[in-house]
Amino acid sequence: MSHPLKPGAVIFTKDLTCMARFYQELFGLQLLEREAGHAVLESEHLQLVIHAIPKQHAKGIHISVPPVLREEQAIKLFFTVGSLAAARQLAQTLGGGLSPVSKEWQIEGGLRAFRACDGFDPEGNVLQCREALKK
């Protein structure tokens, strides 16, 4: 059975296992495929490929704990979560994090009203979590 093609993104990583677990567990993505160099995660509308950086290049990359945030990257992914508070706790246990509640902001327009908060994955890639506002 073929799968429909979906829009998505590729994240290059030094630690494939850690990063795949972070995105899979925090955002409820399903593991579609796992091979030595990549993991393919999917939701109903998005495919996310976590791709290992080749070892000869990865050995020169240092990821601190907590990671230095890559705040000047050209792209910031955003994901919908059921609860920013729950996502904040889970992100921390998975090696990433979300900014404190004081940094949350919201859009209150129409059917797509949401509260948002920026965060980061275990390697410092900046992302955003969005929680739908109840009407």
N, C-alpha and C. Protein backbone atom coordinates (compact mmCIF):
# COMPACT_ATOMS: atom_id res chain seq x y z
N MET A 1 0.85 -1.18 0.00
CA MET A 1 0.00 0.00 0.00
C MET A 1 0.89 1.24 0.00
N SER A 2 0.63 2.16 -0.90
CA SER A 2 1.43 3.37 -0.95
C SER A 2 0.87 4.42 0.02
N HIS A 3 1.77 5.26 0.50
CA HIS A 3 1.38 6.33 1.41
C HIS A 3 1.33 7.63 0.62
N PRO A 4 0.32 8.48 0.89
CA PRO A 4 0.27 9.77 0.19
C PRO A 4 1.48 10.63 0.59
N LEU A 5 1.97 11.41 -0.35
CA LEU A 5 3.08 12.30 -0.07
C LEU A 5 2.57 13.46 0.79
N LYS A 6 3.38 13.86 1.76
CA LYS A 6 3.00 14.91 2.68
C LYS A 6 4.08 15.99 2.69
N PRO A 7 3.70 17.23 3.02
CA PRO A 7 4.74 18.23 3.23
C PRO A 7 5.52 17.86 4.49
N GLY A 8 6.72 18.37 4.59
CA GLY A 8 7.52 18.04 5.77
C GLY A 8 8.81 18.82 5.84
N ALA A 9 9.69 18.31 6.66
CA ALA A 9 10.98 18.96 6.88
C ALA A 9 12.01 17.89 7.23
N VAL A 10 13.28 18.24 7.06
CA VAL A 10 14.40 17.38 7.44
C VAL A 10 15.20 18.13 8.49
N ILE A 11 15.52 17.45 9.58
CA ILE A 11 16.39 18.03 10.61
C ILE A 11 17.65 17.18 10.64
N PHE A 12 18.79 17.81 10.43
CA PHE A 12 20.07 17.11 10.51
C PHE A 12 20.53 17.12 11.96
N THR A 13 21.05 15.99 12.43
CA THR A 13 21.35 15.83 13.83
C THR A 13 22.63 15.06 14.09
N LYS A 14 23.23 15.36 15.20
CA LYS A 14 24.39 14.61 15.66
C LYS A 14 23.94 13.33 16.38
N ASP A 15 22.82 13.39 17.10
CA ASP A 15 22.33 12.25 17.88
C ASP A 15 20.94 11.84 17.38
N LEU A 16 20.93 10.93 16.44
CA LEU A 16 19.69 10.49 15.79
C LEU A 16 18.68 9.94 16.79
N THR A 17 19.12 9.08 17.69
CA THR A 17 18.21 8.45 18.64
C THR A 17 17.53 9.46 19.55
N CYS A 18 18.32 10.36 20.12
CA CYS A 18 17.79 11.37 21.03
C CYS A 18 16.80 12.30 20.33
N MET A 19 17.18 12.77 19.15
CA MET A 19 16.33 13.74 18.45
C MET A 19 15.04 13.08 17.94
N ALA A 20 15.12 11.86 17.44
CA ALA A 20 13.92 11.17 16.97
C ALA A 20 12.96 10.95 18.15
N ARG A 21 13.49 10.56 19.29
CA ARG A 21 12.65 10.35 20.48
C ARG A 21 11.99 11.66 20.91
N PHE A 22 12.75 12.75 20.91
CA PHE A 22 12.22 14.06 21.29
C PHE A 22 11.00 14.42 20.44
N TYR A 23 11.14 14.40 19.13
CA TYR A 23 10.04 14.81 18.25
C TYR A 23 8.90 13.80 18.26
N GLN A 24 9.22 12.52 18.35
CA GLN A 24 8.18 11.50 18.38
C GLN A 24 7.33 11.62 19.64
N GLU A 25 7.96 11.71 20.79
CA GLU A 25 7.21 11.73 22.05
C GLU A 25 6.55 13.07 22.34
N LEU A 26 7.26 14.18 22.09
CA LEU A 26 6.70 15.48 22.41
C LEU A 26 5.52 15.85 21.52
N PHE A 27 5.61 15.50 20.25
CA PHE A 27 4.58 15.93 19.31
C PHE A 27 3.69 14.78 18.81
N GLY A 28 3.84 13.59 19.41
CA GLY A 28 2.97 12.48 19.07
C GLY A 28 3.12 11.99 17.65
N LEU A 29 4.30 12.14 17.08
CA LEU A 29 4.52 11.66 15.72
C LEU A 29 4.75 10.16 15.73
N GLN A 30 4.28 9.50 14.70
CA GLN A 30 4.44 8.05 14.58
C GLN A 30 5.74 7.74 13.84
N LEU A 31 6.45 6.72 14.29
CA LEU A 31 7.67 6.28 13.61
C LEU A 31 7.25 5.47 12.39
N LEU A 32 7.56 5.98 11.21
CA LEU A 32 7.19 5.31 9.97
C LEU A 32 8.32 4.40 9.50
N GLU A 33 9.56 4.85 9.71
CA GLU A 33 10.72 4.10 9.24
C GLU A 33 11.94 4.49 10.05
N ARG A 34 12.79 3.51 10.35
CA ARG A 34 14.05 3.79 11.06
C ARG A 34 15.15 2.96 10.42
N GLU A 35 16.19 3.63 9.97
CA GLU A 35 17.35 2.97 9.41
C GLU A 35 18.58 3.58 10.05
N ALA A 36 19.74 3.09 9.70
CA ALA A 36 20.98 3.54 10.34
C ALA A 36 21.18 5.05 10.27
N GLY A 37 20.82 5.68 9.19
CA GLY A 37 21.11 7.10 9.02
C GLY A 37 19.94 8.04 9.18
N HIS A 38 18.74 7.51 9.39
CA HIS A 38 17.59 8.42 9.50
C HIS A 38 16.40 7.75 10.16
N ALA A 39 15.49 8.59 10.62
CA ALA A 39 14.19 8.14 11.11
C ALA A 39 13.13 9.01 10.45
N VAL A 40 12.07 8.39 10.00
CA VAL A 40 10.97 9.12 9.38
C VAL A 40 9.79 9.09 10.36
N LEU A 41 9.38 10.28 10.78
CA LEU A 41 8.26 10.45 11.71
C LEU A 41 7.12 11.11 10.97
N GLU A 42 5.89 10.81 11.41
CA GLU A 42 4.77 11.32 10.65
C GLU A 42 3.56 11.59 11.54
N SER A 43 2.80 12.61 11.13
CA SER A 43 1.47 12.84 11.68
C SER A 43 0.51 12.76 10.50
N GLU A 44 -0.73 13.07 10.74
CA GLU A 44 -1.71 13.02 9.65
C GLU A 44 -1.34 13.96 8.49
N HIS A 45 -0.70 15.09 8.83
CA HIS A 45 -0.47 16.10 7.80
C HIS A 45 0.99 16.44 7.55
N LEU A 46 1.92 15.85 8.29
CA LEU A 46 3.32 16.25 8.21
C LEU A 46 4.24 15.05 8.30
N GLN A 47 5.34 15.12 7.56
CA GLN A 47 6.39 14.12 7.69
C GLN A 47 7.67 14.84 8.11
N LEU A 48 8.32 14.31 9.13
CA LEU A 48 9.55 14.88 9.64
C LEU A 48 10.63 13.82 9.56
N VAL A 49 11.71 14.14 8.86
CA VAL A 49 12.82 13.22 8.73
C VAL A 49 13.95 13.72 9.63
N ILE A 50 14.39 12.86 10.53
CA ILE A 50 15.54 13.16 11.38
C ILE A 50 16.70 12.42 10.74
N HIS A 51 17.67 13.18 10.25
CA HIS A 51 18.76 12.62 9.45
C HIS A 51 20.10 12.80 10.16
N ALA A 52 20.82 11.72 10.34
CA ALA A 52 22.11 11.76 11.02
C ALA A 52 23.15 12.51 10.18
N ILE A 53 23.89 13.38 10.83
CA ILE A 53 25.02 14.04 10.19
C ILE A 53 26.12 12.98 10.05
N PRO A 54 26.77 12.88 8.90
CA PRO A 54 27.83 11.88 8.74
C PRO A 54 28.89 12.02 9.85
N LYS A 55 29.37 10.87 10.33
CA LYS A 55 30.28 10.84 11.48
C LYS A 55 31.50 11.73 11.30
N GLN A 56 32.06 11.79 10.11
CA GLN A 56 33.26 12.61 9.91
C GLN A 56 32.97 14.10 10.13
N HIS A 57 31.75 14.52 9.94
CA HIS A 57 31.37 15.91 10.19
C HIS A 57 30.86 16.10 11.62
N ALA A 58 30.15 15.10 12.13
CA ALA A 58 29.54 15.19 13.46
C ALA A 58 30.60 15.26 14.56
N LYS A 59 31.75 14.64 14.36
CA LYS A 59 32.76 14.62 15.42
C LYS A 59 33.28 16.03 15.75
N GLY A 60 33.13 16.97 14.85
CA GLY A 60 33.56 18.34 15.09
C GLY A 60 32.48 19.23 15.69
N ILE A 61 31.31 18.67 15.94
CA ILE A 61 30.18 19.44 16.48
C ILE A 61 30.03 19.12 17.96
N HIS A 62 30.02 20.17 18.78
CA HIS A 62 29.83 19.98 20.22
C HIS A 62 28.46 20.50 20.61
N ILE A 63 27.67 19.66 21.26
CA ILE A 63 26.36 20.04 21.77
C ILE A 63 26.48 20.12 23.28
N SER A 64 26.34 21.32 23.84
CA SER A 64 26.44 21.49 25.29
C SER A 64 25.11 21.11 25.95
N VAL A 65 25.14 20.95 27.26
CA VAL A 65 23.93 20.65 28.04
C VAL A 65 23.78 21.73 29.09
N PRO A 66 22.75 22.58 29.03
CA PRO A 66 21.77 22.66 27.95
C PRO A 66 22.42 23.15 26.66
N PRO A 67 21.77 22.90 25.53
CA PRO A 67 22.38 23.29 24.26
C PRO A 67 22.37 24.80 24.06
N VAL A 68 23.33 25.27 23.29
CA VAL A 68 23.33 26.67 22.86
C VAL A 68 22.22 26.79 21.82
N LEU A 69 21.33 27.76 22.01
CA LEU A 69 20.20 27.89 21.09
C LEU A 69 20.65 28.45 19.75
N ARG A 70 20.13 27.88 18.71
CA ARG A 70 20.42 28.32 17.33
C ARG A 70 19.34 29.33 16.93
N GLU A 71 19.36 30.47 17.61
CA GLU A 71 18.29 31.46 17.45
C GLU A 71 18.33 32.21 16.13
N GLU A 72 19.43 32.14 15.43
CA GLU A 72 19.53 32.89 14.18
C GLU A 72 19.36 31.98 12.97
N GLN A 73 18.78 30.80 13.16
CA GLN A 73 18.53 29.92 12.03
C GLN A 73 17.44 30.52 11.15
N ALA A 74 17.41 30.12 9.91
CA ALA A 74 16.48 30.70 8.96
C ALA A 74 15.05 30.18 9.09
N ILE A 75 14.87 29.03 9.72
CA ILE A 75 13.55 28.41 9.80
C ILE A 75 13.26 28.02 11.24
N LYS A 76 12.00 28.23 11.66
CA LYS A 76 11.54 27.77 12.97
C LYS A 76 10.29 26.92 12.74
N LEU A 77 10.35 25.66 13.10
CA LEU A 77 9.20 24.79 12.97
C LEU A 77 8.23 25.05 14.12
N PHE A 78 6.93 24.87 13.88
CA PHE A 78 5.97 24.95 14.97
C PHE A 78 5.06 23.74 14.93
N PHE A 79 4.63 23.32 16.14
CA PHE A 79 3.82 22.14 16.30
C PHE A 79 2.68 22.44 17.27
N THR A 80 1.55 21.79 17.05
CA THR A 80 0.42 21.92 17.96
C THR A 80 0.55 20.88 19.06
N VAL A 81 0.30 21.31 20.29
CA VAL A 81 0.32 20.42 21.45
C VAL A 81 -1.01 20.56 22.18
N GLY A 82 -1.37 19.56 22.97
CA GLY A 82 -2.61 19.62 23.74
C GLY A 82 -2.53 20.60 24.89
N SER A 83 -1.32 20.76 25.44
CA SER A 83 -1.12 21.62 26.61
C SER A 83 0.31 22.14 26.62
N LEU A 84 0.46 23.45 26.68
CA LEU A 84 1.82 24.02 26.78
C LEU A 84 2.48 23.60 28.08
N ALA A 85 1.71 23.54 29.16
CA ALA A 85 2.28 23.16 30.46
C ALA A 85 2.82 21.73 30.41
N ALA A 86 2.06 20.81 29.84
CA ALA A 86 2.51 19.42 29.73
C ALA A 86 3.70 19.32 28.78
N ALA A 87 3.65 20.06 27.67
CA ALA A 87 4.77 20.05 26.71
C ALA A 87 6.04 20.59 27.35
N ARG A 88 5.90 21.61 28.19
CA ARG A 88 7.06 22.20 28.88
C ARG A 88 7.75 21.14 29.75
N GLN A 89 6.96 20.38 30.49
CA GLN A 89 7.53 19.34 31.36
C GLN A 89 8.15 18.21 30.55
N LEU A 90 7.45 17.73 29.54
CA LEU A 90 7.94 16.62 28.73
C LEU A 90 9.19 17.02 27.95
N ALA A 91 9.19 18.22 27.37
CA ALA A 91 10.35 18.68 26.61
C ALA A 91 11.61 18.63 27.46
N GLN A 92 11.48 19.06 28.70
CA GLN A 92 12.64 19.07 29.60
C GLN A 92 13.14 17.66 29.87
N THR A 93 12.25 16.70 30.06
CA THR A 93 12.68 15.33 30.32
C THR A 93 13.32 14.69 29.09
N LEU A 94 13.01 15.22 27.91
CA LEU A 94 13.55 14.69 26.66
C LEU A 94 14.80 15.42 26.20
N GLY A 95 15.30 16.36 27.01
CA GLY A 95 16.54 17.05 26.67
C GLY A 95 16.38 18.40 26.01
N GLY A 96 15.16 18.86 25.83
CA GLY A 96 14.91 20.18 25.25
C GLY A 96 14.29 21.08 26.29
N GLY A 97 13.47 22.01 25.85
CA GLY A 97 12.81 22.90 26.79
C GLY A 97 11.87 23.87 26.12
N LEU A 98 11.02 24.48 26.92
CA LEU A 98 10.16 25.57 26.48
C LEU A 98 10.42 26.76 27.39
N SER A 99 10.27 27.94 26.84
CA SER A 99 10.44 29.16 27.63
C SER A 99 9.41 29.17 28.76
N PRO A 100 9.64 29.99 29.81
CA PRO A 100 8.68 30.04 30.92
C PRO A 100 7.33 30.62 30.49
N VAL A 101 6.33 30.39 31.32
CA VAL A 101 4.96 30.86 31.06
C VAL A 101 4.94 32.36 30.75
N SER A 102 5.80 33.12 31.39
CA SER A 102 5.84 34.57 31.18
C SER A 102 6.18 34.96 29.74
N LYS A 103 6.72 34.02 28.96
CA LYS A 103 7.09 34.29 27.56
C LYS A 103 6.01 33.83 26.58
N GLU A 104 4.92 33.26 27.08
CA GLU A 104 3.84 32.81 26.20
C GLU A 104 3.10 34.03 25.63
N TRP A 105 2.52 33.86 24.46
CA TRP A 105 1.73 34.90 23.83
C TRP A 105 0.58 34.22 23.10
N GLN A 106 -0.42 35.01 22.68
CA GLN A 106 -1.56 34.37 22.01
C GLN A 106 -2.13 35.22 20.90
N ILE A 107 -2.80 34.51 20.00
CA ILE A 107 -3.56 35.10 18.90
C ILE A 107 -5.01 34.71 19.16
N GLU A 108 -5.91 35.69 19.21
CA GLU A 108 -7.30 35.40 19.56
C GLU A 108 -8.23 35.66 18.40
N GLY A 109 -7.87 35.26 17.21
CA GLY A 109 -8.71 35.54 16.06
C GLY A 109 -9.39 34.31 15.50
N GLY A 110 -10.68 34.31 15.48
CA GLY A 110 -11.45 33.28 14.80
C GLY A 110 -11.23 31.86 15.27
N LEU A 111 -11.33 30.93 14.33
CA LEU A 111 -11.25 29.50 14.63
C LEU A 111 -9.84 29.02 14.94
N ARG A 112 -8.86 29.80 14.59
CA ARG A 112 -7.48 29.37 14.79
C ARG A 112 -6.80 30.10 15.94
N ALA A 113 -7.54 30.41 16.97
CA ALA A 113 -6.98 31.10 18.13
C ALA A 113 -6.05 30.14 18.88
N PHE A 114 -4.89 30.64 19.27
CA PHE A 114 -3.93 29.79 19.98
C PHE A 114 -3.05 30.59 20.91
N ARG A 115 -2.45 29.87 21.86
CA ARG A 115 -1.41 30.38 22.75
C ARG A 115 -0.13 29.70 22.30
N ALA A 116 0.97 30.45 22.28
CA ALA A 116 2.23 29.91 21.76
C ALA A 116 3.39 30.17 22.70
N CYS A 117 4.40 29.35 22.56
CA CYS A 117 5.61 29.51 23.35
C CYS A 117 6.77 28.91 22.57
N ASP A 118 7.88 29.65 22.51
CA ASP A 118 9.06 29.13 21.84
C ASP A 118 9.79 28.16 22.76
N GLY A 119 10.52 27.27 22.15
CA GLY A 119 11.30 26.29 22.88
C GLY A 119 12.46 25.84 22.03
N PHE A 120 13.06 24.71 22.42
CA PHE A 120 14.22 24.19 21.69
C PHE A 120 14.30 22.68 21.86
N ASP A 121 14.93 22.05 20.87
CA ASP A 121 15.14 20.60 20.94
C ASP A 121 16.49 20.30 21.59
N PRO A 122 16.86 19.04 21.76
CA PRO A 122 18.10 18.70 22.46
C PRO A 122 19.39 19.22 21.82
N GLU A 123 19.33 19.63 20.56
CA GLU A 123 20.53 20.16 19.91
C GLU A 123 20.49 21.67 19.73
N GLY A 124 19.47 22.32 20.30
CA GLY A 124 19.40 23.78 20.29
C GLY A 124 18.61 24.39 19.16
N ASN A 125 17.99 23.57 18.31
CA ASN A 125 17.14 24.11 17.25
C ASN A 125 15.91 24.74 17.88
N VAL A 126 15.63 25.98 17.52
CA VAL A 126 14.50 26.69 18.08
C VAL A 126 13.22 26.22 17.38
N LEU A 127 12.17 26.02 18.17
CA LEU A 127 10.87 25.60 17.65
C LEU A 127 9.79 26.33 18.43
N GLN A 128 8.56 26.15 18.02
CA GLN A 128 7.45 26.78 18.72
C GLN A 128 6.36 25.75 18.96
N CYS A 129 5.76 25.80 20.14
CA CYS A 129 4.60 24.96 20.47
C CYS A 129 3.38 25.85 20.53
N ARG A 130 2.27 25.35 20.00
CA ARG A 130 1.01 26.08 19.99
C ARG A 130 -0.09 25.24 20.60
N GLU A 131 -0.86 25.85 21.46
CA GLU A 131 -2.00 25.21 22.11
C GLU A 131 -3.27 25.95 21.67
N ALA A 132 -4.25 25.21 21.14
CA ALA A 132 -5.50 25.85 20.71
C ALA A 132 -6.21 26.46 21.91
N LEU A 133 -6.73 27.67 21.71
CA LEU A 133 -7.53 28.32 22.78
C LEU A 133 -8.95 27.79 22.67
N LYS A 134 -9.51 27.46 23.80
CA LYS A 134 -10.89 26.94 23.84
C LYS A 134 -11.86 28.11 23.71
N LYS A 135 -12.84 27.94 22.89
CA LYS A 135 -13.88 28.97 22.69
C LYS A 135 -15.12 28.59 23.43
